[in-house]
Amino acid sequence: MPCDEVCSAAESAPEIVILYEDEDLVVIHKPAGLLVHRSYLARRERFFAMQMTRDKVGCHVFPVHRLDRPTSGVLLFAKSSEMANMLCQQFASKAVEKHYLAIVRGNMLQGDTLDYPLKQEFDELGDKDVDPNKAAQEAQTTYQPLINCEIPFASGRYPTSRYALVQLTPHTGRKHQLRRHMAHLRHPIVGDTTHGDGKQNRFFREHFGINRLWLIAKRLSFIHPRTGEPMSVETELEPEWLTLFDAFGWNDELLSDEPNLLIAR
């Protein structure tokens, strides 16, 4: 058997977990590193959340929003084009609430809403015909620090390293919005190789042995398109988050559904 076939056979599929399912919808937990659907930018990829969800539930599914490849968490699909269109209208009218958790560089002492327009980010191939001088689009993100820490390890020119766990709520859906907004606030999300801090990213990889973007779509709230009932689907943190919380001196008792600023000591 050729080498590439051996390697391909040895590659195992990532695990997706169904968080909610009915006759109209399915909500999964997408692991970090998994693309939502096929893309010309990743022709060699074998696994996609859309196809894996389809195979798991036994019917075609329609994406109504997306998560960046390195972002994990709650991802919603519809089981029909009709339901998909109704859900897309909710996203377009900003009726859907999205709540994320992120670990960022530095301590944060108060929350606010950032209203900072973002220029469109272009792909060299897919956006080659788009005007690069297009005006910046409105973008708003509410951020709320939940807990801070300082650990006695240098990760640059400072003798210690400071981090914060932050709840992020985007009110618009621009490309890489949360990552770009946190970078604008000088609190880049750890593990962001595009807009983040390379020294911090390297420190996390080497010190904690975990290489990922520390951003998770924790909760998604919307109106069920058939029943009209409010829906709220939340996922659990992956094990590596809890490993990091232990290293930072954080624990589950310090975290609640309501934002609180707690200083770990």
C-alpha atoms as a PDB file:
ATOM      1  CA  MET A   1       0.000   0.000   0.000  1.00  0.00           C
ATOM      2  CA  PRO A   2       1.412   3.465  -0.903  1.00  0.00           C
ATOM      3  CA  CYS A   3       2.596   5.636   1.979  1.00  0.00           C
ATOM      4  CA  ASP A   4      -0.084   8.284   1.495  1.00  0.00           C
ATOM      5  CA  GLU A   5      -2.802   5.603   1.703  1.00  0.00           C
ATOM      6  CA  VAL A   6      -1.309   4.237   4.914  1.00  0.00           C
ATOM      7  CA  CYS A   7      -1.197   7.711   6.438  1.00  0.00           C
ATOM      8  CA  SER A   8      -4.738   8.423   5.293  1.00  0.00           C
ATOM      9  CA  ALA A   9      -6.052   5.184   6.748  1.00  0.00           C
ATOM     10  CA  ALA A  10      -4.312   5.877  10.036  1.00  0.00           C
ATOM     11  CA  GLU A  11      -5.860   9.340  10.330  1.00  0.00           C
ATOM     12  CA  SER A  12      -8.799   9.188  12.701  1.00  0.00           C
ATOM     13  CA  ALA A  13     -11.897  11.355  12.478  1.00  0.00           C
ATOM     14  CA  PRO A  14     -12.412  14.000  15.156  1.00  0.00           C
ATOM     15  CA  GLU A  15     -15.337  13.491  17.495  1.00  0.00           C
ATOM     16  CA  ILE A  16     -18.499  15.558  17.207  1.00  0.00           C
ATOM     17  CA  VAL A  17     -21.088  15.470  19.996  1.00  0.00           C
ATOM     18  CA  ILE A  18     -24.806  16.083  19.405  1.00  0.00           C
ATOM     19  CA  LEU A  19     -26.042  18.607  21.976  1.00  0.00           C
ATOM     20  CA  TYR A  20     -29.649  18.792  20.729  1.00  0.00           C
ATOM     21  CA  GLU A  21     -31.697  17.219  17.961  1.00  0.00           C
ATOM     22  CA  ASP A  22     -35.314  17.183  16.808  1.00  0.00           C
ATOM     23  CA  GLU A  23     -37.072  16.755  13.460  1.00  0.00           C
ATOM     24  CA  ASP A  24     -35.997  20.220  12.309  1.00  0.00           C
ATOM     25  CA  LEU A  25     -32.645  20.994  13.926  1.00  0.00           C
ATOM     26  CA  VAL A  26     -29.419  19.497  15.139  1.00  0.00           C
ATOM     27  CA  VAL A  27     -26.857  21.249  17.321  1.00  0.00           C
ATOM     28  CA  ILE A  28     -23.378  19.832  17.738  1.00  0.00           C
ATOM     29  CA  HIS A  29     -20.174  20.576  19.574  1.00  0.00           C
ATOM     30  CA  LYS A  30     -17.546  21.229  16.916  1.00  0.00           C
ATOM     31  CA  PRO A  31     -14.007  20.422  18.034  1.00  0.00           C
ATOM     32  CA  ALA A  32     -11.220  22.902  17.407  1.00  0.00           C
ATOM     33  CA  GLY A  33      -9.437  22.318  14.095  1.00  0.00           C
ATOM     34  CA  LEU A  34     -12.464  20.960  12.234  1.00  0.00           C
ATOM     35  CA  LEU A  35     -13.755  22.859   9.189  1.00  0.00           C
ATOM     36  CA  VAL A  36     -17.512  23.452   9.004  1.00  0.00           C
ATOM     37  CA  HIS A  37     -17.756  22.455   5.323  1.00  0.00           C
ATOM     38  CA  ARG A  38     -15.623  21.747   2.281  1.00  0.00           C
ATOM     39  CA  SER A  39     -13.449  24.603   1.082  1.00  0.00           C
ATOM     40  CA  TYR A  40     -11.151  25.215  -1.845  1.00  0.00           C
ATOM     41  CA  LEU A  41      -8.609  26.462   0.693  1.00  0.00           C
ATOM     42  CA  ALA A  42      -8.377  23.019   2.308  1.00  0.00           C
ATOM     43  CA  ARG A  43      -8.646  20.508  -0.508  1.00  0.00           C
ATOM     44  CA  ARG A  44      -6.626  17.872   1.314  1.00  0.00           C
ATOM     45  CA  GLU A  45      -8.909  17.798   4.347  1.00  0.00           C
ATOM     46  CA  ARG A  46     -10.953  14.628   4.841  1.00  0.00           C
ATOM     47  CA  PHE A  47     -13.320  15.596   7.662  1.00  0.00           C
ATOM     48  CA  PHE A  48     -15.918  18.356   7.829  1.00  0.00           C
ATOM     49  CA  ALA A  49     -18.525  19.120  10.480  1.00  0.00           C
ATOM     50  CA  MET A  50     -21.372  19.318   7.971  1.00  0.00           C
ATOM     51  CA  GLN A  51     -20.716  15.909   6.403  1.00  0.00           C
ATOM     52  CA  MET A  52     -19.979  14.266   9.758  1.00  0.00           C
ATOM     53  CA  THR A  53     -23.233  15.605  11.208  1.00  0.00           C
ATOM     54  CA  ARG A  54     -25.154  14.408   8.152  1.00  0.00           C
ATOM     55  CA  ASP A  55     -23.721  10.915   8.549  1.00  0.00           C
ATOM     56  CA  LYS A  56     -24.489  10.880  12.267  1.00  0.00           C
ATOM     57  CA  VAL A  57     -28.146  11.953  12.028  1.00  0.00           C
ATOM     58  CA  GLY A  58     -28.879  10.175   8.747  1.00  0.00           C
ATOM     59  CA  CYS A  59     -30.144  13.104   6.689  1.00  0.00           C
ATOM     60  CA  HIS A  60     -28.868  16.159   4.865  1.00  0.00           C
ATOM     61  CA  VAL A  61     -28.156  19.207   7.028  1.00  0.00           C
ATOM     62  CA  PHE A  62     -27.946  22.876   6.128  1.00  0.00           C
ATOM     63  CA  PRO A  63     -25.473  25.267   7.792  1.00  0.00           C
ATOM     64  CA  VAL A  64     -27.015  28.497   9.105  1.00  0.00           C
ATOM     65  CA  HIS A  65     -23.864  30.037  10.594  1.00  0.00           C
ATOM     66  CA  ARG A  66     -20.209  29.112  10.914  1.00  0.00           C
ATOM     67  CA  LEU A  67     -17.339  28.863  13.345  1.00  0.00           C
ATOM     68  CA  ASP A  68     -13.751  29.513  12.360  1.00  0.00           C
ATOM     69  CA  ARG A  69     -11.706  26.346  11.996  1.00  0.00           C
ATOM     70  CA  PRO A  70      -9.701  26.836  15.227  1.00  0.00           C
ATOM     71  CA  THR A  71     -12.794  27.785  17.274  1.00  0.00           C
ATOM     72  CA  SER A  72     -14.676  25.032  19.066  1.00  0.00           C
ATOM     73  CA  GLY A  73     -18.185  24.909  20.449  1.00  0.00           C
ATOM     74  CA  VAL A  74     -21.876  25.163  19.597  1.00  0.00           C
ATOM     75  CA  LEU A  75     -22.738  24.820  15.907  1.00  0.00           C
ATOM     76  CA  LEU A  76     -26.322  24.792  14.586  1.00  0.00           C
ATOM     77  CA  PHE A  77     -27.628  23.030  11.485  1.00  0.00           C
ATOM     78  CA  ALA A  78     -31.131  22.845  10.001  1.00  0.00           C
ATOM     79  CA  LYS A  79     -32.570  19.681   8.491  1.00  0.00           C
ATOM     80  CA  SER A  80     -34.416  21.435   5.664  1.00  0.00           C
ATOM     81  CA  SER A  81     -33.909  24.482   3.470  1.00  0.00           C
ATOM     82  CA  GLU A  82     -37.121  25.973   4.881  1.00  0.00           C
ATOM     83  CA  MET A  83     -35.880  25.802   8.464  1.00  0.00           C
ATOM     84  CA  ALA A  84     -32.450  27.022   7.342  1.00  0.00           C
ATOM     85  CA  ASN A  85     -33.938  30.110   5.694  1.00  0.00           C
ATOM     86  CA  MET A  86     -35.936  30.970   8.824  1.00  0.00           C
ATOM     87  CA  LEU A  87     -32.870  30.582  11.025  1.00  0.00           C
ATOM     88  CA  CYS A  88     -30.724  32.629   8.644  1.00  0.00           C
ATOM     89  CA  GLN A  89     -33.275  35.424   8.946  1.00  0.00           C
ATOM     90  CA  GLN A  90     -32.831  35.340  12.730  1.00  0.00           C
ATOM     91  CA  PHE A  91     -29.073  35.661  12.355  1.00  0.00           C
ATOM     92  CA  ALA A  92     -29.479  38.493   9.837  1.00  0.00           C
ATOM     93  CA  SER A  93     -31.853  40.398  12.143  1.00  0.00           C
ATOM     94  CA  LYS A  94     -29.498  39.907  15.128  1.00  0.00           C
ATOM     95  CA  ALA A  95     -32.137  37.903  16.988  1.00  0.00           C
ATOM     96  CA  VAL A  96     -29.638  35.148  17.813  1.00  0.00           C
ATOM     97  CA  GLU A  97     -27.487  35.512  20.936  1.00  0.00           C
ATOM     98  CA  LYS A  98     -23.982  34.036  20.806  1.00  0.00           C
ATOM     99  CA  HIS A  99     -21.855  33.717  23.924  1.00  0.00           C
ATOM    100  CA  TYR A 100     -18.180  32.776  23.800  1.00  0.00           C
ATOM    101  CA  LEU A 101     -15.453  32.234  26.348  1.00  0.00           C
ATOM    102  CA  ALA A 102     -11.863  33.214  25.618  1.00  0.00           C
ATOM    103  CA  ILE A 103      -8.553  33.334  27.418  1.00  0.00           C
ATOM    104  CA  VAL A 104      -6.744  36.560  26.652  1.00  0.00           C
ATOM    105  CA  ARG A 105      -3.378  38.115  27.404  1.00  0.00           C
ATOM    106  CA  GLY A 106      -3.308  40.415  30.433  1.00  0.00           C
ATOM    107  CA  ASN A 107      -5.714  41.094  33.276  1.00  0.00           C
ATOM    108  CA  MET A 108      -8.995  42.873  32.496  1.00  0.00           C
ATOM    109  CA  LEU A 109     -10.707  44.897  35.218  1.00  0.00           C
ATOM    110  CA  GLN A 110     -13.999  45.888  33.618  1.00  0.00           C
ATOM    111  CA  GLY A 111     -16.250  45.076  30.726  1.00  0.00           C
ATOM    112  CA  ASP A 112     -17.753  47.235  28.008  1.00  0.00           C
ATOM    113  CA  THR A 113     -19.036  47.108  24.445  1.00  0.00           C
ATOM    114  CA  LEU A 114     -16.497  47.788  21.711  1.00  0.00           C
ATOM    115  CA  ASP A 115     -17.899  49.518  18.633  1.00  0.00           C
ATOM    116  CA  TYR A 116     -15.011  49.335  16.192  1.00  0.00           C
ATOM    117  CA  PRO A 117     -15.593  48.916  12.424  1.00  0.00           C
ATOM    118  CA  LEU A 118     -13.530  46.250  10.689  1.00  0.00           C
ATOM    119  CA  LYS A 119     -12.144  46.224   7.190  1.00  0.00           C
ATOM    120  CA  GLN A 120     -13.036  43.058   5.317  1.00  0.00           C
ATOM    121  CA  GLU A 121     -10.318  40.401   5.391  1.00  0.00           C
ATOM    122  CA  PHE A 122      -9.712  38.897   1.968  1.00  0.00           C
ATOM    123  CA  ASP A 123      -8.625  35.471   0.780  1.00  0.00           C
ATOM    124  CA  GLU A 124      -6.184  35.686  -2.107  1.00  0.00           C
ATOM    125  CA  LEU A 125      -8.158  33.229  -4.230  1.00  0.00           C
ATOM    126  CA  GLY A 126     -11.773  33.491  -3.114  1.00  0.00           C
ATOM    127  CA  ASP A 127     -11.873  37.284  -2.854  1.00  0.00           C
ATOM    128  CA  LYS A 128      -9.612  38.216  -5.759  1.00  0.00           C
ATOM    129  CA  ASP A 129     -12.406  40.214  -7.448  1.00  0.00           C
ATOM    130  CA  VAL A 130     -13.454  42.120  -4.314  1.00  0.00           C
ATOM    131  CA  ASP A 131     -12.553  45.803  -4.025  1.00  0.00           C
ATOM    132  CA  PRO A 132      -9.724  46.020  -1.437  1.00  0.00           C
ATOM    133  CA  ASN A 133     -10.703  49.644  -0.726  1.00  0.00           C
ATOM    134  CA  LYS A 134     -14.173  48.680   0.489  1.00  0.00           C
ATOM    135  CA  ALA A 135     -15.174  50.709   3.537  1.00  0.00           C
ATOM    136  CA  ALA A 136     -14.927  49.158   6.993  1.00  0.00           C
ATOM    137  CA  GLN A 137     -18.093  47.446   8.221  1.00  0.00           C
ATOM    138  CA  GLU A 138     -19.724  48.123  11.568  1.00  0.00           C
ATOM    139  CA  ALA A 139     -18.769  45.624  14.268  1.00  0.00           C
ATOM    140  CA  GLN A 140     -19.757  45.487  17.937  1.00  0.00           C
ATOM    141  CA  THR A 141     -18.652  43.097  20.676  1.00  0.00           C
ATOM    142  CA  THR A 142     -19.562  43.103  24.359  1.00  0.00           C
ATOM    143  CA  TYR A 143     -16.775  41.784  26.587  1.00  0.00           C
ATOM    144  CA  GLN A 144     -16.944  40.939  30.283  1.00  0.00           C
ATOM    145  CA  PRO A 145     -13.985  39.658  32.328  1.00  0.00           C
ATOM    146  CA  LEU A 146     -14.879  36.721  34.578  1.00  0.00           C
ATOM    147  CA  ILE A 147     -11.610  35.953  36.344  1.00  0.00           C
ATOM    148  CA  ASN A 148      -7.960  37.055  36.239  1.00  0.00           C
ATOM    149  CA  CYS A 149      -4.707  35.393  37.197  1.00  0.00           C
ATOM    150  CA  GLU A 150      -0.980  36.000  37.372  1.00  0.00           C
ATOM    151  CA  ILE A 151       1.437  33.082  37.216  1.00  0.00           C
ATOM    152  CA  PRO A 152       5.166  33.157  38.126  1.00  0.00           C
ATOM    153  CA  PHE A 153       6.461  32.333  34.664  1.00  0.00           C
ATOM    154  CA  ALA A 154       8.025  34.724  32.194  1.00  0.00           C
ATOM    155  CA  SER A 155       6.564  34.767  28.689  1.00  0.00           C
ATOM    156  CA  GLY A 156       8.472  37.680  27.240  1.00  0.00           C
ATOM    157  CA  ARG A 157      10.251  40.581  28.927  1.00  0.00           C
ATOM    158  CA  TYR A 158       8.088  40.413  32.063  1.00  0.00           C
ATOM    159  CA  PRO A 159       8.918  38.085  34.995  1.00  0.00           C
ATOM    160  CA  THR A 160       5.288  36.948  35.360  1.00  0.00           C
ATOM    161  CA  SER A 161       2.406  36.264  32.989  1.00  0.00           C
ATOM    162  CA  ARG A 162      -1.148  37.556  33.333  1.00  0.00           C
ATOM    163  CA  TYR A 163      -4.302  36.211  31.740  1.00  0.00           C
ATOM    164  CA  ALA A 164      -8.047  36.671  31.902  1.00  0.00           C
ATOM    165  CA  LEU A 165     -11.057  34.513  31.175  1.00  0.00           C
ATOM    166  CA  VAL A 166     -13.496  36.691  29.264  1.00  0.00           C
ATOM    167  CA  GLN A 167     -17.080  36.272  28.108  1.00  0.00           C
ATOM    168  CA  LEU A 168     -17.572  37.661  24.604  1.00  0.00           C
ATOM    169  CA  THR A 169     -20.884  38.464  22.929  1.00  0.00           C
ATOM    170  CA  PRO A 170     -20.675  39.542  19.277  1.00  0.00           C
ATOM    171  CA  HIS A 171     -23.540  41.685  17.994  1.00  0.00           C
ATOM    172  CA  THR A 172     -22.363  41.515  14.393  1.00  0.00           C
ATOM    173  CA  GLY A 173     -20.758  38.694  12.430  1.00  0.00           C
ATOM    174  CA  ARG A 174     -17.609  39.967  10.790  1.00  0.00           C
ATOM    175  CA  LYS A 175     -14.789  37.624   9.834  1.00  0.00           C
ATOM    176  CA  HIS A 176     -12.513  36.958  12.823  1.00  0.00           C
ATOM    177  CA  GLN A 177     -14.452  39.656  14.699  1.00  0.00           C
ATOM    178  CA  LEU A 178     -13.750  38.455  18.246  1.00  0.00           C
ATOM    179  CA  ARG A 179     -10.089  37.819  17.522  1.00  0.00           C
ATOM    180  CA  ARG A 180      -9.612  41.205  15.869  1.00  0.00           C
ATOM    181  CA  HIS A 181     -11.560  43.132  18.490  1.00  0.00           C
ATOM    182  CA  MET A 182      -9.605  41.625  21.380  1.00  0.00           C
ATOM    183  CA  ALA A 183      -6.355  42.354  19.578  1.00  0.00           C
ATOM    184  CA  HIS A 184      -7.522  45.958  19.149  1.00  0.00           C
ATOM    185  CA  LEU A 185      -8.047  46.142  22.929  1.00  0.00           C
ATOM    186  CA  ARG A 186      -4.468  44.883  23.440  1.00  0.00           C
ATOM    187  CA  HIS A 187      -5.839  41.696  24.974  1.00  0.00           C
ATOM    188  CA  PRO A 188      -5.346  39.210  22.110  1.00  0.00           C
ATOM    189  CA  ILE A 189      -6.856  35.762  22.432  1.00  0.00           C
ATOM    190  CA  VAL A 190      -4.168  33.245  23.319  1.00  0.00           C
ATOM    191  CA  GLY A 191      -3.414  30.828  20.498  1.00  0.00           C
ATOM    192  CA  ASP A 192      -4.466  33.233  17.744  1.00  0.00           C
ATOM    193  CA  THR A 193      -1.735  32.839  15.137  1.00  0.00           C
ATOM    194  CA  THR A 194      -3.151  35.567  12.884  1.00  0.00           C
ATOM    195  CA  HIS A 195      -3.975  38.448  15.237  1.00  0.00           C
ATOM    196  CA  GLY A 196      -2.405  37.288  18.494  1.00  0.00           C
ATOM    197  CA  ASP A 197       0.833  37.469  20.452  1.00  0.00           C
ATOM    198  CA  GLY A 198       3.433  35.035  19.114  1.00  0.00           C
ATOM    199  CA  LYS A 199       5.423  34.988  22.367  1.00  0.00           C
ATOM    200  CA  GLN A 200       2.362  34.091  24.434  1.00  0.00           C
ATOM    201  CA  ASN A 201       1.308  31.457  21.933  1.00  0.00           C
ATOM    202  CA  ARG A 202       4.744  29.860  22.056  1.00  0.00           C
ATOM    203  CA  PHE A 203       4.759  29.965  25.871  1.00  0.00           C
ATOM    204  CA  PHE A 204       1.416  28.139  26.023  1.00  0.00           C
ATOM    205  CA  ARG A 205       2.570  25.482  23.582  1.00  0.00           C
ATOM    206  CA  GLU A 206       5.851  24.866  25.384  1.00  0.00           C
ATOM    207  CA  HIS A 207       4.749  25.271  29.011  1.00  0.00           C
ATOM    208  CA  PHE A 208       1.288  23.670  28.955  1.00  0.00           C
ATOM    209  CA  GLY A 209       1.767  21.354  25.963  1.00  0.00           C
ATOM    210  CA  ILE A 210      -1.525  22.455  24.408  1.00  0.00           C
ATOM    211  CA  ASN A 211      -1.711  24.039  20.965  1.00  0.00           C
ATOM    212  CA  ARG A 212      -5.080  25.595  20.176  1.00  0.00           C
ATOM    213  CA  LEU A 213      -7.007  28.846  19.904  1.00  0.00           C
ATOM    214  CA  TRP A 214      -8.475  29.524  23.343  1.00  0.00           C
ATOM    215  CA  LEU A 215     -11.914  30.488  22.083  1.00  0.00           C
ATOM    216  CA  ILE A 216     -15.098  28.442  22.470  1.00  0.00           C
ATOM    217  CA  ALA A 217     -18.676  29.143  21.367  1.00  0.00           C
ATOM    218  CA  LYS A 218     -20.224  28.293  24.740  1.00  0.00           C
ATOM    219  CA  ARG A 219     -23.918  29.059  24.258  1.00  0.00           C
ATOM    220  CA  LEU A 220     -26.314  29.793  21.399  1.00  0.00           C
ATOM    221  CA  SER A 221     -29.818  31.198  21.986  1.00  0.00           C
ATOM    222  CA  PHE A 222     -32.452  31.490  19.278  1.00  0.00           C
ATOM    223  CA  ILE A 223     -36.159  30.997  18.536  1.00  0.00           C
ATOM    224  CA  HIS A 224     -37.171  27.575  17.264  1.00  0.00           C
ATOM    225  CA  PRO A 225     -38.307  28.251  13.682  1.00  0.00           C
ATOM    226  CA  ARG A 226     -41.249  25.827  13.859  1.00  0.00           C
ATOM    227  CA  THR A 227     -42.530  26.057  17.434  1.00  0.00           C
ATOM    228  CA  GLY A 228     -41.615  29.667  18.202  1.00  0.00           C
ATOM    229  CA  GLU A 229     -40.182  28.565  21.545  1.00  0.00           C
ATOM    230  CA  PRO A 230     -36.992  30.187  22.891  1.00  0.00           C
ATOM    231  CA  MET A 231     -34.042  27.792  22.652  1.00  0.00           C
ATOM    232  CA  SER A 232     -30.706  27.954  24.429  1.00  0.00           C
ATOM    233  CA  VAL A 233     -28.081  25.282  23.802  1.00  0.00           C
ATOM    234  CA  GLU A 234     -24.848  25.244  25.799  1.00  0.00           C
ATOM    235  CA  THR A 235     -21.794  23.035  25.566  1.00  0.00           C
ATOM    236  CA  GLU A 236     -19.292  21.924  28.161  1.00  0.00           C
ATOM    237  CA  LEU A 237     -15.698  23.050  28.203  1.00  0.00           C
ATOM    238  CA  GLU A 238     -13.243  20.593  26.703  1.00  0.00           C
ATOM    239  CA  PRO A 239     -10.822  18.822  29.076  1.00  0.00           C
ATOM    240  CA  GLU A 240      -7.889  21.035  28.085  1.00  0.00           C
ATOM    241  CA  TRP A 241      -9.733  24.079  29.435  1.00  0.00           C
ATOM    242  CA  LEU A 242     -10.106  22.426  32.824  1.00  0.00           C
ATOM    243  CA  THR A 243      -6.426  21.444  32.749  1.00  0.00           C
ATOM    244  CA  LEU A 244      -5.542  25.081  32.210  1.00  0.00           C
ATOM    245  CA  PHE A 245      -7.948  26.243  34.929  1.00  0.00           C
ATOM    246  CA  ASP A 246      -6.161  23.967  37.384  1.00  0.00           C
ATOM    247  CA  ALA A 247      -2.807  25.417  36.358  1.00  0.00           C
ATOM    248  CA  PHE A 248      -4.172  28.943  36.856  1.00  0.00           C
ATOM    249  CA  GLY A 249      -5.708  28.157  40.246  1.00  0.00           C
ATOM    250  CA  TRP A 250      -9.247  28.498  38.899  1.00  0.00           C
ATOM    251  CA  ASN A 251     -12.035  26.048  39.622  1.00  0.00           C
ATOM    252  CA  ASP A 252     -15.682  25.515  38.735  1.00  0.00           C
ATOM    253  CA  GLU A 253     -16.928  27.243  41.888  1.00  0.00           C
ATOM    254  CA  LEU A 254     -15.415  30.527  40.677  1.00  0.00           C
ATOM    255  CA  LEU A 255     -17.388  30.451  37.418  1.00  0.00           C
ATOM    256  CA  SER A 256     -21.133  31.046  37.076  1.00  0.00           C
ATOM    257  CA  ASP A 257     -23.611  31.867  34.338  1.00  0.00           C
ATOM    258  CA  GLU A 258     -23.663  35.515  35.404  1.00  0.00           C
ATOM    259  CA  PRO A 259     -20.483  37.498  34.685  1.00  0.00           C
ATOM    260  CA  ASN A 260     -18.413  38.161  37.777  1.00  0.00           C
ATOM    261  CA  LEU A 261     -14.983  39.653  38.119  1.00  0.00           C
ATOM    262  CA  LEU A 262     -13.046  37.303  40.359  1.00  0.00           C
ATOM    263  CA  ILE A 263      -9.360  37.523  41.083  1.00  0.00           C
ATOM    264  CA  ALA A 264      -7.675  34.146  41.583  1.00  0.00           C
ATOM    265  CA  ARG A 265      -5.195  34.182  44.450  1.00  0.00           C
END
